[in-house]
PDB file of all heavy atoms in Angstrom:
ATOM      1  N   LYS A   1     135.491 176.129 269.002  1.00  0.00           N
ATOM      2  CA  LYS A   1     134.841 177.419 269.174  1.00  0.00           C
ATOM      3  C   LYS A   1     135.182 178.307 267.982  1.00  0.00           C
ATOM      4  O   LYS A   1     136.360 178.561 267.697  1.00  0.00           O
ATOM      5  CB  LYS A   1     135.312 178.086 270.465  1.00  0.00           C
ATOM      6  CG  LYS A   1     134.672 179.430 270.712  1.00  0.00           C
ATOM      7  CD  LYS A   1     135.183 180.027 272.013  1.00  0.00           C
ATOM      8  CE  LYS A   1     134.586 181.400 272.239  1.00  0.00           C
ATOM      9  NZ  LYS A   1     135.142 182.034 273.432  1.00  0.00           N
ATOM     10  N   ASN A   2     134.143 178.754 267.277  1.00  0.00           N
ATOM     11  CA  ASN A   2     134.320 179.668 266.160  1.00  0.00           C
ATOM     12  C   ASN A   2     134.682 181.039 266.732  1.00  0.00           C
ATOM     13  O   ASN A   2     133.935 181.612 267.514  1.00  0.00           O
ATOM     14  CB  ASN A   2     133.042 179.750 265.321  1.00  0.00           C
ATOM     15  CG  ASN A   2     133.229 180.557 264.067  1.00  0.00           C
ATOM     16  OD1 ASN A   2     133.818 181.629 264.073  1.00  0.00           O
ATOM     17  ND2 ASN A   2     132.709 180.029 262.969  1.00  0.00           N
ATOM     18  N   LEU A   3     135.840 181.561 266.351  1.00  0.00           N
ATOM     19  CA  LEU A   3     136.321 182.818 266.929  1.00  0.00           C
ATOM     20  C   LEU A   3     135.561 184.040 266.430  1.00  0.00           C
ATOM     21  O   LEU A   3     135.552 185.070 267.094  1.00  0.00           O
ATOM     22  CB  LEU A   3     137.818 182.978 266.656  1.00  0.00           C
ATOM     23  CG  LEU A   3     138.710 181.915 267.319  1.00  0.00           C
ATOM     24  CD1 LEU A   3     140.160 182.147 266.947  1.00  0.00           C
ATOM     25  CD2 LEU A   3     138.536 181.929 268.827  1.00  0.00           C
ATOM     26  N   GLU A   4     134.915 183.935 265.276  1.00  0.00           N
ATOM     27  CA  GLU A   4     134.175 185.073 264.743  1.00  0.00           C
ATOM     28  C   GLU A   4     132.760 185.147 265.309  1.00  0.00           C
ATOM     29  O   GLU A   4     132.284 186.212 265.666  1.00  0.00           O
ATOM     30  CB  GLU A   4     134.131 184.989 263.219  1.00  0.00           C
ATOM     31  CG  GLU A   4     135.507 185.088 262.594  1.00  0.00           C
ATOM     32  CD  GLU A   4     135.555 184.613 261.149  1.00  0.00           C
ATOM     33  OE1 GLU A   4     134.487 184.375 260.554  1.00  0.00           O
ATOM     34  OE2 GLU A   4     136.665 184.477 260.629  1.00  0.00           O
ATOM     35  N   THR A   5     132.071 184.001 265.381  1.00  0.00           N
ATOM     36  CA  THR A   5     130.675 183.985 265.821  1.00  0.00           C
ATOM     37  C   THR A   5     130.504 183.576 267.285  1.00  0.00           C
ATOM     38  O   THR A   5     129.399 183.632 267.802  1.00  0.00           O
ATOM     39  CB  THR A   5     129.848 183.016 264.957  1.00  0.00           C
ATOM     40  OG1 THR A   5     130.334 181.684 265.160  1.00  0.00           O
ATOM     41  CG2 THR A   5     129.918 183.384 263.496  1.00  0.00           C
ATOM     42  N   GLU A   6     131.597 183.126 267.921  1.00  0.00           N
ATOM     43  CA  GLU A   6     131.567 182.635 269.306  1.00  0.00           C
ATOM     44  C   GLU A   6     130.736 181.351 269.458  1.00  0.00           C
ATOM     45  O   GLU A   6     130.413 180.944 270.568  1.00  0.00           O
ATOM     46  CB  GLU A   6     131.035 183.712 270.275  1.00  0.00           C
ATOM     47  CG  GLU A   6     131.861 184.975 270.320  1.00  0.00           C
ATOM     48  CD  GLU A   6     133.237 184.771 270.921  1.00  0.00           C
ATOM     49  OE1 GLU A   6     133.359 184.072 271.923  1.00  0.00           O
ATOM     50  OE2 GLU A   6     134.208 185.325 270.352  1.00  0.00           O
ATOM     51  N   GLU A   7     130.364 180.718 268.341  1.00  0.00           N
ATOM     52  CA  GLU A   7     129.601 179.468 268.381  1.00  0.00           C
ATOM     53  C   GLU A   7     130.492 178.347 268.920  1.00  0.00           C
ATOM     54  O   GLU A   7     131.644 178.200 268.513  1.00  0.00           O
ATOM     55  CB  GLU A   7     129.115 179.105 266.977  1.00  0.00           C
ATOM     56  CG  GLU A   7     128.407 177.775 266.909  1.00  0.00           C
ATOM     57  CD  GLU A   7     128.110 177.346 265.487  1.00  0.00           C
ATOM     58  OE1 GLU A   7     128.691 177.907 264.533  1.00  0.00           O
ATOM     59  OE2 GLU A   7     127.288 176.434 265.337  1.00  0.00           O
ATOM     60  N   VAL A   8     129.950 177.569 269.853  1.00  0.00           N
ATOM     61  CA  VAL A   8     130.678 176.445 270.439  1.00  0.00           C
ATOM     62  C   VAL A   8     130.092 175.151 269.879  1.00  0.00           C
ATOM     63  O   VAL A   8     128.880 174.954 269.900  1.00  0.00           O
ATOM     64  CB  VAL A   8     130.574 176.464 271.982  1.00  0.00           C
ATOM     65  CG1 VAL A   8     131.228 175.228 272.576  1.00  0.00           C
ATOM     66  CG2 VAL A   8     131.212 177.721 272.536  1.00  0.00           C
ATOM     67  N   ILE A   9     130.979 174.283 269.376  1.00  0.00           N
ATOM     68  CA  ILE A   9     130.547 173.009 268.800  1.00  0.00           C
ATOM     69  C   ILE A   9     131.173 171.884 269.605  1.00  0.00           C
ATOM     70  O   ILE A   9     132.390 171.843 269.791  1.00  0.00           O
ATOM     71  CB  ILE A   9     130.962 172.911 267.322  1.00  0.00           C
ATOM     72  CG1 ILE A   9     130.358 174.067 266.530  1.00  0.00           C
ATOM     73  CG2 ILE A   9     130.544 171.567 266.741  1.00  0.00           C
ATOM     74  CD1 ILE A   9     130.868 174.186 265.132  1.00  0.00           C
ATOM     75  N   TYR A  10     130.333 170.981 270.073  1.00  0.00           N
ATOM     76  CA  TYR A  10     130.791 169.828 270.842  1.00  0.00           C
ATOM     77  C   TYR A  10     130.932 168.625 269.914  1.00  0.00           C
ATOM     78  O   TYR A  10     130.111 168.427 269.019  1.00  0.00           O
ATOM     79  CB  TYR A  10     129.807 169.505 271.960  1.00  0.00           C
ATOM     80  CG  TYR A  10     129.686 170.621 272.962  1.00  0.00           C
ATOM     81  CD1 TYR A  10     128.704 171.592 272.839  1.00  0.00           C
ATOM     82  CD2 TYR A  10     130.579 170.726 274.020  1.00  0.00           C
ATOM     83  CE1 TYR A  10     128.600 172.638 273.746  1.00  0.00           C
ATOM     84  CE2 TYR A  10     130.484 171.765 274.940  1.00  0.00           C
ATOM     85  CZ  TYR A  10     129.487 172.714 274.792  1.00  0.00           C
ATOM     86  OH  TYR A  10     129.397 173.738 275.690  1.00  0.00           O
ATOM     87  N   VAL A  11     131.952 167.828 270.143  1.00  0.00           N
ATOM     88  CA  VAL A  11     132.150 166.629 269.324  1.00  0.00           C
ATOM     89  C   VAL A  11     131.186 165.542 269.768  1.00  0.00           C
ATOM     90  O   VAL A  11     130.673 165.564 270.886  1.00  0.00           O
ATOM     91  CB  VAL A  11     133.607 166.126 269.429  1.00  0.00           C
ATOM     92  CG1 VAL A  11     134.572 167.140 268.882  1.00  0.00           C
ATOM     93  CG2 VAL A  11     133.965 165.748 270.846  1.00  0.00           C
ATOM     94  N   GLN A  12     130.945 164.581 268.876  1.00  0.00           N
ATOM     95  CA  GLN A  12     130.105 163.417 269.185  1.00  0.00           C
ATOM     96  C   GLN A  12     130.982 162.177 269.188  1.00  0.00           C
ATOM     97  O   GLN A  12     131.909 162.070 268.377  1.00  0.00           O
ATOM     98  CB  GLN A  12     129.023 163.244 268.130  1.00  0.00           C
ATOM     99  CG  GLN A  12     128.120 164.419 267.964  1.00  0.00           C
ATOM    100  CD  GLN A  12     127.246 164.268 266.718  1.00  0.00           C
ATOM    101  OE1 GLN A  12     127.218 163.230 266.083  1.00  0.00           O
ATOM    102  NE2 GLN A  12     126.538 165.322 266.376  1.00  0.00           N
ATOM    103  N   LYS A  13     130.669 161.254 270.064  1.00  0.00           N
ATOM    104  CA  LYS A  13     131.409 159.999 270.102  1.00  0.00           C
ATOM    105  C   LYS A  13     131.167 159.254 268.789  1.00  0.00           C
ATOM    106  O   LYS A  13     130.051 159.212 268.284  1.00  0.00           O
ATOM    107  CB  LYS A  13     130.942 159.152 271.289  1.00  0.00           C
ATOM    108  CG  LYS A  13     131.810 157.956 271.542  1.00  0.00           C
ATOM    109  CD  LYS A  13     131.397 157.254 272.814  1.00  0.00           C
ATOM    110  CE  LYS A  13     132.252 156.028 273.015  1.00  0.00           C
ATOM    111  NZ  LYS A  13     131.845 155.273 274.190  1.00  0.00           N
ATOM    112  N   ALA A  14     132.222 158.676 268.228  1.00  0.00           N
ATOM    113  CA  ALA A  14     132.125 157.972 266.954  1.00  0.00           C
ATOM    114  C   ALA A  14     131.269 156.721 267.103  1.00  0.00           C
ATOM    115  O   ALA A  14     131.479 155.921 268.023  1.00  0.00           O
ATOM    116  CB  ALA A  14     133.511 157.600 266.446  1.00  0.00           C
ATOM    117  N   PHE A  15     130.311 156.562 266.211  1.00  0.00           N
ATOM    118  CA  PHE A  15     129.444 155.386 266.242  1.00  0.00           C
ATOM    119  C   PHE A  15     130.232 154.138 265.867  1.00  0.00           C
ATOM    120  O   PHE A  15     130.060 153.087 266.455  1.00  0.00           O
ATOM    121  CB  PHE A  15     128.259 155.586 265.287  1.00  0.00           C
ATOM    122  CG  PHE A  15     127.262 154.477 265.323  1.00  0.00           C
ATOM    123  CD1 PHE A  15     126.427 154.324 266.416  1.00  0.00           C
ATOM    124  CD2 PHE A  15     127.170 153.578 264.285  1.00  0.00           C
ATOM    125  CE1 PHE A  15     125.505 153.298 266.470  1.00  0.00           C
ATOM    126  CE2 PHE A  15     126.248 152.548 264.316  1.00  0.00           C
ATOM    127  CZ  PHE A  15     125.413 152.404 265.415  1.00  0.00           C
ATOM    128  N   TRP A  16     131.114 154.254 264.867  1.00  0.00           N
ATOM    129  CA  TRP A  16     131.989 153.160 264.452  1.00  0.00           C
ATOM    130  C   TRP A  16     133.423 153.540 264.817  1.00  0.00           C
ATOM    131  O   TRP A  16     134.055 154.296 264.098  1.00  0.00           O
ATOM    132  CB  TRP A  16     131.904 152.912 262.947  1.00  0.00           C
ATOM    133  CG  TRP A  16     130.565 152.464 262.489  1.00  0.00           C
ATOM    134  CD1 TRP A  16     129.657 153.194 261.798  1.00  0.00           C
ATOM    135  CD2 TRP A  16     129.961 151.188 262.700  1.00  0.00           C
ATOM    136  NE1 TRP A  16     128.530 152.463 261.556  1.00  0.00           N
ATOM    137  CE2 TRP A  16     128.690 151.212 262.098  1.00  0.00           C
ATOM    138  CE3 TRP A  16     130.371 150.026 263.333  1.00  0.00           C
ATOM    139  CZ2 TRP A  16     127.831 150.125 262.119  1.00  0.00           C
ATOM    140  CZ3 TRP A  16     129.509 148.942 263.346  1.00  0.00           C
ATOM    141  CH2 TRP A  16     128.265 149.001 262.746  1.00  0.00           C
ATOM    142  N   PRO A  17     133.961 153.020 265.916  1.00  0.00           N
ATOM    143  CA  PRO A  17     135.337 153.351 266.299  1.00  0.00           C
ATOM    144  C   PRO A  17     136.364 152.585 265.457  1.00  0.00           C
ATOM    145  O   PRO A  17     136.944 151.603 265.886  1.00  0.00           O
ATOM    146  CB  PRO A  17     135.394 152.946 267.765  1.00  0.00           C
ATOM    147  CG  PRO A  17     134.362 151.883 267.903  1.00  0.00           C
ATOM    148  CD  PRO A  17     133.294 152.185 266.896  1.00  0.00           C
ATOM    149  N   VAL A  18     136.555 153.024 264.229  1.00  0.00           N
ATOM    150  CA  VAL A  18     137.415 152.361 263.260  1.00  0.00           C
ATOM    151  C   VAL A  18     138.876 152.416 263.697  1.00  0.00           C
ATOM    152  O   VAL A  18     139.347 153.440 264.174  1.00  0.00           O
ATOM    153  CB  VAL A  18     137.248 153.038 261.877  1.00  0.00           C
ATOM    154  CG1 VAL A  18     138.191 152.438 260.851  1.00  0.00           C
ATOM    155  CG2 VAL A  18     135.811 152.948 261.422  1.00  0.00           C
ATOM    156  N   GLN A  19     139.588 151.306 263.503  1.00  0.00           N
ATOM    157  CA  GLN A  19     141.014 151.232 263.795  1.00  0.00           C
ATOM    158  C   GLN A  19     141.782 151.325 262.484  1.00  0.00           C
ATOM    159  O   GLN A  19     141.357 150.786 261.472  1.00  0.00           O
ATOM    160  CB  GLN A  19     141.356 149.903 264.481  1.00  0.00           C
ATOM    161  CG  GLN A  19     140.674 149.708 265.784  1.00  0.00           C
ATOM    162  CD  GLN A  19     140.982 148.361 266.403  1.00  0.00           C
ATOM    163  OE1 GLN A  19     140.779 148.215 267.570  1.00  0.00           O
ATOM    164  NE2 GLN A  19     141.446 147.381 265.682  1.00  0.00           N
ATOM    165  N   SER A  20     142.922 152.015 262.519  1.00  0.00           N
ATOM    166  CA  SER A  20     143.753 152.130 261.325  1.00  0.00           C
ATOM    167  C   SER A  20     145.180 152.481 261.750  1.00  0.00           C
ATOM    168  O   SER A  20     145.478 152.557 262.938  1.00  0.00           O
ATOM    169  CB  SER A  20     143.185 153.187 260.383  1.00  0.00           C
ATOM    170  OG  SER A  20     143.107 154.428 261.039  1.00  0.00           O
ATOM    171  N   PHE A  21     146.031 152.690 260.757  1.00  0.00           N
ATOM    172  CA  PHE A  21     147.401 153.133 261.000  1.00  0.00           C
ATOM    173  C   PHE A  21     147.613 154.429 260.235  1.00  0.00           C
ATOM    174  O   PHE A  21     147.226 154.554 259.070  1.00  0.00           O
ATOM    175  CB  PHE A  21     148.405 152.090 260.501  1.00  0.00           C
ATOM    176  CG  PHE A  21     148.481 150.875 261.379  1.00  0.00           C
ATOM    177  CD1 PHE A  21     147.649 149.790 261.148  1.00  0.00           C
ATOM    178  CD2 PHE A  21     149.372 150.816 262.433  1.00  0.00           C
ATOM    179  CE1 PHE A  21     147.705 148.665 261.946  1.00  0.00           C
ATOM    180  CE2 PHE A  21     149.431 149.698 263.240  1.00  0.00           C
ATOM    181  CZ  PHE A  21     148.597 148.616 262.995  1.00  0.00           C
ATOM    182  N   THR A  22     148.221 155.404 260.882  1.00  0.00           N
ATOM    183  CA  THR A  22     148.558 156.667 260.238  1.00  0.00           C
ATOM    184  C   THR A  22     149.743 157.297 260.963  1.00  0.00           C
ATOM    185  O   THR A  22     149.910 157.087 262.169  1.00  0.00           O
ATOM    186  CB  THR A  22     147.356 157.638 260.222  1.00  0.00           C
ATOM    187  OG1 THR A  22     147.711 158.800 259.478  1.00  0.00           O
ATOM    188  CG2 THR A  22     146.923 158.041 261.606  1.00  0.00           C
ATOM    189  N   HIS A  23     150.537 158.026 260.235  1.00  0.00           N
ATOM    190  CA  HIS A  23     151.733 158.675 260.798  1.00  0.00           C
ATOM    191  C   HIS A  23     152.624 157.660 261.520  1.00  0.00           C
ATOM    192  O   HIS A  23     153.255 157.990 262.533  1.00  0.00           O
ATOM    193  CB  HIS A  23     151.339 159.812 261.742  1.00  0.00           C
ATOM    194  CG  HIS A  23     150.660 160.948 261.057  1.00  0.00           C
ATOM    195  ND1 HIS A  23     149.333 160.913 260.720  1.00  0.00           N
ATOM    196  CD2 HIS A  23     151.126 162.145 260.627  1.00  0.00           C
ATOM    197  CE1 HIS A  23     148.999 162.051 260.119  1.00  0.00           C
ATOM    198  NE2 HIS A  23     150.065 162.807 260.040  1.00  0.00           N
ATOM    199  N   GLY A  24     152.624 156.412 261.053  1.00  0.00           N
ATOM    200  CA  GLY A  24     153.446 155.366 261.657  1.00  0.00           C
ATOM    201  C   GLY A  24     152.951 154.895 263.013  1.00  0.00           C
ATOM    202  O   GLY A  24     153.696 154.270 263.755  1.00  0.00           O
ATOM    203  N   LYS A  25     151.698 155.196 263.349  1.00  0.00           N
ATOM    204  CA  LYS A  25     151.155 154.831 264.661  1.00  0.00           C
ATOM    205  C   LYS A  25     149.786 154.190 264.513  1.00  0.00           C
ATOM    206  O   LYS A  25     149.101 154.377 263.509  1.00  0.00           O
ATOM    207  CB  LYS A  25     151.014 156.077 265.545  1.00  0.00           C
ATOM    208  CG  LYS A  25     152.312 156.762 265.841  1.00  0.00           C
ATOM    209  CD  LYS A  25     152.086 157.983 266.697  1.00  0.00           C
ATOM    210  CE  LYS A  25     153.412 158.690 266.944  1.00  0.00           C
ATOM    211  NZ  LYS A  25     153.253 159.869 267.754  1.00  0.00           N
ATOM    212  N   ARG A  26     149.388 153.472 265.532  1.00  0.00           N
ATOM    213  CA  ARG A  26     148.029 152.936 265.586  1.00  0.00           C
ATOM    214  C   ARG A  26     147.073 154.080 265.878  1.00  0.00           C
ATOM    215  O   ARG A  26     147.390 154.991 266.638  1.00  0.00           O
ATOM    216  CB  ARG A  26     147.917 151.888 266.695  1.00  0.00           C
ATOM    217  CG  ARG A  26     148.767 150.678 266.440  1.00  0.00           C
ATOM    218  CD  ARG A  26     148.749 149.729 267.604  1.00  0.00           C
ATOM    219  NE  ARG A  26     149.644 148.619 267.291  1.00  0.00           N
ATOM    220  CZ  ARG A  26     149.691 147.510 267.966  1.00  0.00           C
ATOM    221  NH1 ARG A  26     148.911 147.336 269.016  1.00  0.00           N
ATOM    222  NH2 ARG A  26     150.512 146.555 267.618  1.00  0.00           N
ATOM    223  N   ALA A  27     145.899 154.015 265.253  1.00  0.00           N
ATOM    224  CA  ALA A  27     144.923 155.094 265.419  1.00  0.00           C
ATOM    225  C   ALA A  27     143.537 154.497 265.585  1.00  0.00           C
ATOM    226  O   ALA A  27     143.200 153.487 264.969  1.00  0.00           O
ATOM    227  CB  ALA A  27     144.955 156.018 264.209  1.00  0.00           C
ATOM    228  N   LYS A  28     142.730 155.134 266.417  1.00  0.00           N
ATOM    229  CA  LYS A  28     141.350 154.711 266.602  1.00  0.00           C
ATOM    230  C   LYS A  28     140.460 155.944 266.561  1.00  0.00           C
ATOM    231  O   LYS A  28     140.708 156.930 267.259  1.00  0.00           O
ATOM    232  CB  LYS A  28     141.176 153.988 267.932  1.00  0.00           C
ATOM    233  CG  LYS A  28     139.808 153.350 268.073  1.00  0.00           C
ATOM    234  CD  LYS A  28     139.846 152.247 269.090  1.00  0.00           C
ATOM    235  CE  LYS A  28     138.572 151.446 269.039  1.00  0.00           C
ATOM    236  NZ  LYS A  28     138.647 150.293 269.898  1.00  0.00           N
ATOM    237  N   ARG A  29     139.413 155.863 265.722  1.00  0.00           N
ATOM    238  CA  ARG A  29     138.468 156.979 265.619  1.00  0.00           C
ATOM    239  C   ARG A  29     137.684 157.058 266.926  1.00  0.00           C
ATOM    240  O   ARG A  29     137.074 156.093 267.358  1.00  0.00           O
ATOM    241  CB  ARG A  29     137.514 156.778 264.459  1.00  0.00           C
ATOM    242  CG  ARG A  29     136.595 157.970 264.254  1.00  0.00           C
ATOM    243  CD  ARG A  29     135.580 157.775 263.164  1.00  0.00           C
ATOM    244  NE  ARG A  29     136.183 157.302 261.922  1.00  0.00           N
ATOM    245  CZ  ARG A  29     135.497 156.694 260.967  1.00  0.00           C
ATOM    246  NH1 ARG A  29     134.221 156.453 261.105  1.00  0.00           N
ATOM    247  NH2 ARG A  29     136.112 156.299 259.871  1.00  0.00           N
ATOM    248  N   ILE A  30     137.690 158.244 267.540  1.00  0.00           N
ATOM    249  CA  ILE A  30     136.985 158.398 268.816  1.00  0.00           C
ATOM    250  C   ILE A  30     135.833 159.388 268.732  1.00  0.00           C
ATOM    251  O   ILE A  30     134.837 159.227 269.432  1.00  0.00           O
ATOM    252  CB  ILE A  30     137.956 158.800 269.956  1.00  0.00           C
ATOM    253  CG1 ILE A  30     138.754 160.056 269.595  1.00  0.00           C
ATOM    254  CG2 ILE A  30     138.879 157.651 270.294  1.00  0.00           C
ATOM    255  CD1 ILE A  30     139.618 160.603 270.713  1.00  0.00           C
ATOM    256  N   PHE A  31     135.962 160.417 267.905  1.00  0.00           N
ATOM    257  CA  PHE A  31     134.921 161.438 267.803  1.00  0.00           C
ATOM    258  C   PHE A  31     134.705 161.821 266.344  1.00  0.00           C
ATOM    259  O   PHE A  31     135.556 161.599 265.496  1.00  0.00           O
ATOM    260  CB  PHE A  31     135.307 162.719 268.549  1.00  0.00           C
ATOM    261  CG  PHE A  31     135.464 162.587 270.032  1.00  0.00           C
ATOM    262  CD1 PHE A  31     136.674 162.871 270.641  1.00  0.00           C
ATOM    263  CD2 PHE A  31     134.402 162.204 270.833  1.00  0.00           C
ATOM    264  CE1 PHE A  31     136.821 162.785 272.014  1.00  0.00           C
ATOM    265  CE2 PHE A  31     134.542 162.109 272.198  1.00  0.00           C
ATOM    266  CZ  PHE A  31     135.757 162.398 272.798  1.00  0.00           C
ATOM    267  N   ILE A  32     133.559 162.461 266.106  1.00  0.00           N
ATOM    268  CA  ILE A  32     133.298 163.148 264.845  1.00  0.00           C
ATOM    269  C   ILE A  32     132.742 164.527 265.183  1.00  0.00           C
ATOM    270  O   ILE A  32     132.173 164.719 266.266  1.00  0.00           O
ATOM    271  CB  ILE A  32     132.307 162.378 263.932  1.00  0.00           C
ATOM    272  CG1 ILE A  32     130.977 162.154 264.643  1.00  0.00           C
ATOM    273  CG2 ILE A  32     132.894 161.083 263.438  1.00  0.00           C
ATOM    274  CD1 ILE A  32     129.879 161.675 263.731  1.00  0.00           C
ATOM    275  N   VAL A  33     132.928 165.454 264.270  1.00  0.00           N
ATOM    276  CA  VAL A  33     132.382 166.794 264.473  1.00  0.00           C
ATOM    277  C   VAL A  33     131.978 167.349 263.111  1.00  0.00           C
ATOM    278  O   VAL A  33     132.681 167.167 262.121  1.00  0.00           O
ATOM    279  CB  VAL A  33     133.401 167.726 265.192  1.00  0.00           C
ATOM    280  CG1 VAL A  33     134.642 167.944 264.365  1.00  0.00           C
ATOM    281  CG2 VAL A  33     132.760 169.036 265.579  1.00  0.00           C
ATOM    282  N   ASP A  34     130.826 167.990 263.086  1.00  0.00           N
ATOM    283  CA  ASP A  34     130.315 168.607 261.867  1.00  0.00           C
ATOM    284  C   ASP A  34     130.499 170.114 261.972  1.00  0.00           C
ATOM    285  O   ASP A  34     129.901 170.757 262.840  1.00  0.00           O
ATOM    286  CB  ASP A  34     128.841 168.276 261.651  1.00  0.00           C
ATOM    287  CG  ASP A  34     128.625 166.813 261.327  1.00  0.00           C
ATOM    288  OD1 ASP A  34     129.397 166.273 260.501  1.00  0.00           O
ATOM    289  OD2 ASP A  34     127.708 166.198 261.886  1.00  0.00           O
ATOM    290  N   ILE A  35     131.329 170.665 261.109  1.00  0.00           N
ATOM    291  CA  ILE A  35     131.549 172.107 261.047  1.00  0.00           C
ATOM    292  C   ILE A  35     130.663 172.640 259.929  1.00  0.00           C
ATOM    293  O   ILE A  35     130.788 172.210 258.786  1.00  0.00           O
ATOM    294  CB  ILE A  35     133.028 172.439 260.773  1.00  0.00           C
ATOM    295  CG1 ILE A  35     133.933 171.841 261.852  1.00  0.00           C
ATOM    296  CG2 ILE A  35     133.231 173.945 260.630  1.00  0.00           C
ATOM    297  CD1 ILE A  35     133.749 172.409 263.237  1.00  0.00           C
ATOM    298  N   GLU A  36     129.778 173.554 260.255  1.00  0.00           N
ATOM    299  CA  GLU A  36     128.828 174.066 259.268  1.00  0.00           C
ATOM    300  C   GLU A  36     129.209 175.433 258.714  1.00  0.00           C
ATOM    301  O   GLU A  36     128.702 175.840 257.676  1.00  0.00           O
ATOM    302  CB  GLU A  36     127.426 174.117 259.884  1.00  0.00           C
ATOM    303  CG  GLU A  36     126.920 172.732 260.239  1.00  0.00           C
ATOM    304  CD  GLU A  36     125.544 172.754 260.873  1.00  0.00           C
ATOM    305  OE1 GLU A  36     124.950 173.844 260.984  1.00  0.00           O
ATOM    306  OE2 GLU A  36     125.077 171.679 261.257  1.00  0.00           O
ATOM    307  N   THR A  37     130.083 176.161 259.425  1.00  0.00           N
ATOM    308  CA  THR A  37     130.469 177.500 259.002  1.00  0.00           C
ATOM    309  C   THR A  37     131.981 177.577 258.859  1.00  0.00           C
ATOM    310  O   THR A  37     132.705 177.203 259.789  1.00  0.00           O
ATOM    311  CB  THR A  37     130.013 178.547 260.044  1.00  0.00           C
ATOM    312  OG1 THR A  37     128.626 178.372 260.302  1.00  0.00           O
ATOM    313  CG2 THR A  37     130.270 179.955 259.554  1.00  0.00           C
ATOM    314  N   GLU A  38     132.447 178.050 257.726  1.00  0.00           N
ATOM    315  CA  GLU A  38     133.889 178.207 257.529  1.00  0.00           C
ATOM    316  C   GLU A  38     134.404 179.305 258.435  1.00  0.00           C
ATOM    317  O   GLU A  38     133.734 180.320 258.666  1.00  0.00           O
ATOM    318  CB  GLU A  38     134.182 178.556 256.072  1.00  0.00           C
ATOM    319  CG  GLU A  38     135.657 178.629 255.771  1.00  0.00           C
ATOM    320  CD  GLU A  38     135.936 178.769 254.284  1.00  0.00           C
ATOM    321  OE1 GLU A  38     135.012 178.641 253.475  1.00  0.00           O
ATOM    322  OE2 GLU A  38     137.110 179.005 253.950  1.00  0.00           O
ATOM    323  N   GLY A  39     135.593 179.110 258.972  1.00  0.00           N
ATOM    324  CA  GLY A  39     136.179 180.136 259.814  1.00  0.00           C
ATOM    325  C   GLY A  39     137.327 179.609 260.648  1.00  0.00           C
ATOM    326  O   GLY A  39     137.746 178.465 260.510  1.00  0.00           O
ATOM    327  N   LYS A  40     137.815 180.471 261.524  1.00  0.00           N
ATOM    328  CA  LYS A  40     138.885 180.094 262.445  1.00  0.00           C
ATOM    329  C   LYS A  40     138.258 179.523 263.709  1.00  0.00           C
ATOM    330  O   LYS A  40     137.371 180.149 264.301  1.00  0.00           O
ATOM    331  CB  LYS A  40     139.759 181.303 262.772  1.00  0.00           C
ATOM    332  CG  LYS A  40     140.578 181.758 261.595  1.00  0.00           C
ATOM    333  CD  LYS A  40     141.528 182.859 261.978  1.00  0.00           C
ATOM    334  CE  LYS A  40     142.325 183.259 260.750  1.00  0.00           C
ATOM    335  NZ  LYS A  40     143.373 184.211 261.053  1.00  0.00           N
TER     336      LYS A  40
END
C-alpha cells in the first residue's frame, strides 16, 4: 500500500517458481510485484 496515494497493489503468483539459495537458506520465488510509483 502506497502511503502517499493510498494505492493498493496486489502481488501476482510467480509464473516460474525458481529455486535458489540466499542468506544461507533455501529459497523459492513465490510472487512478483510491479511497483510503478516511487514512494513509501
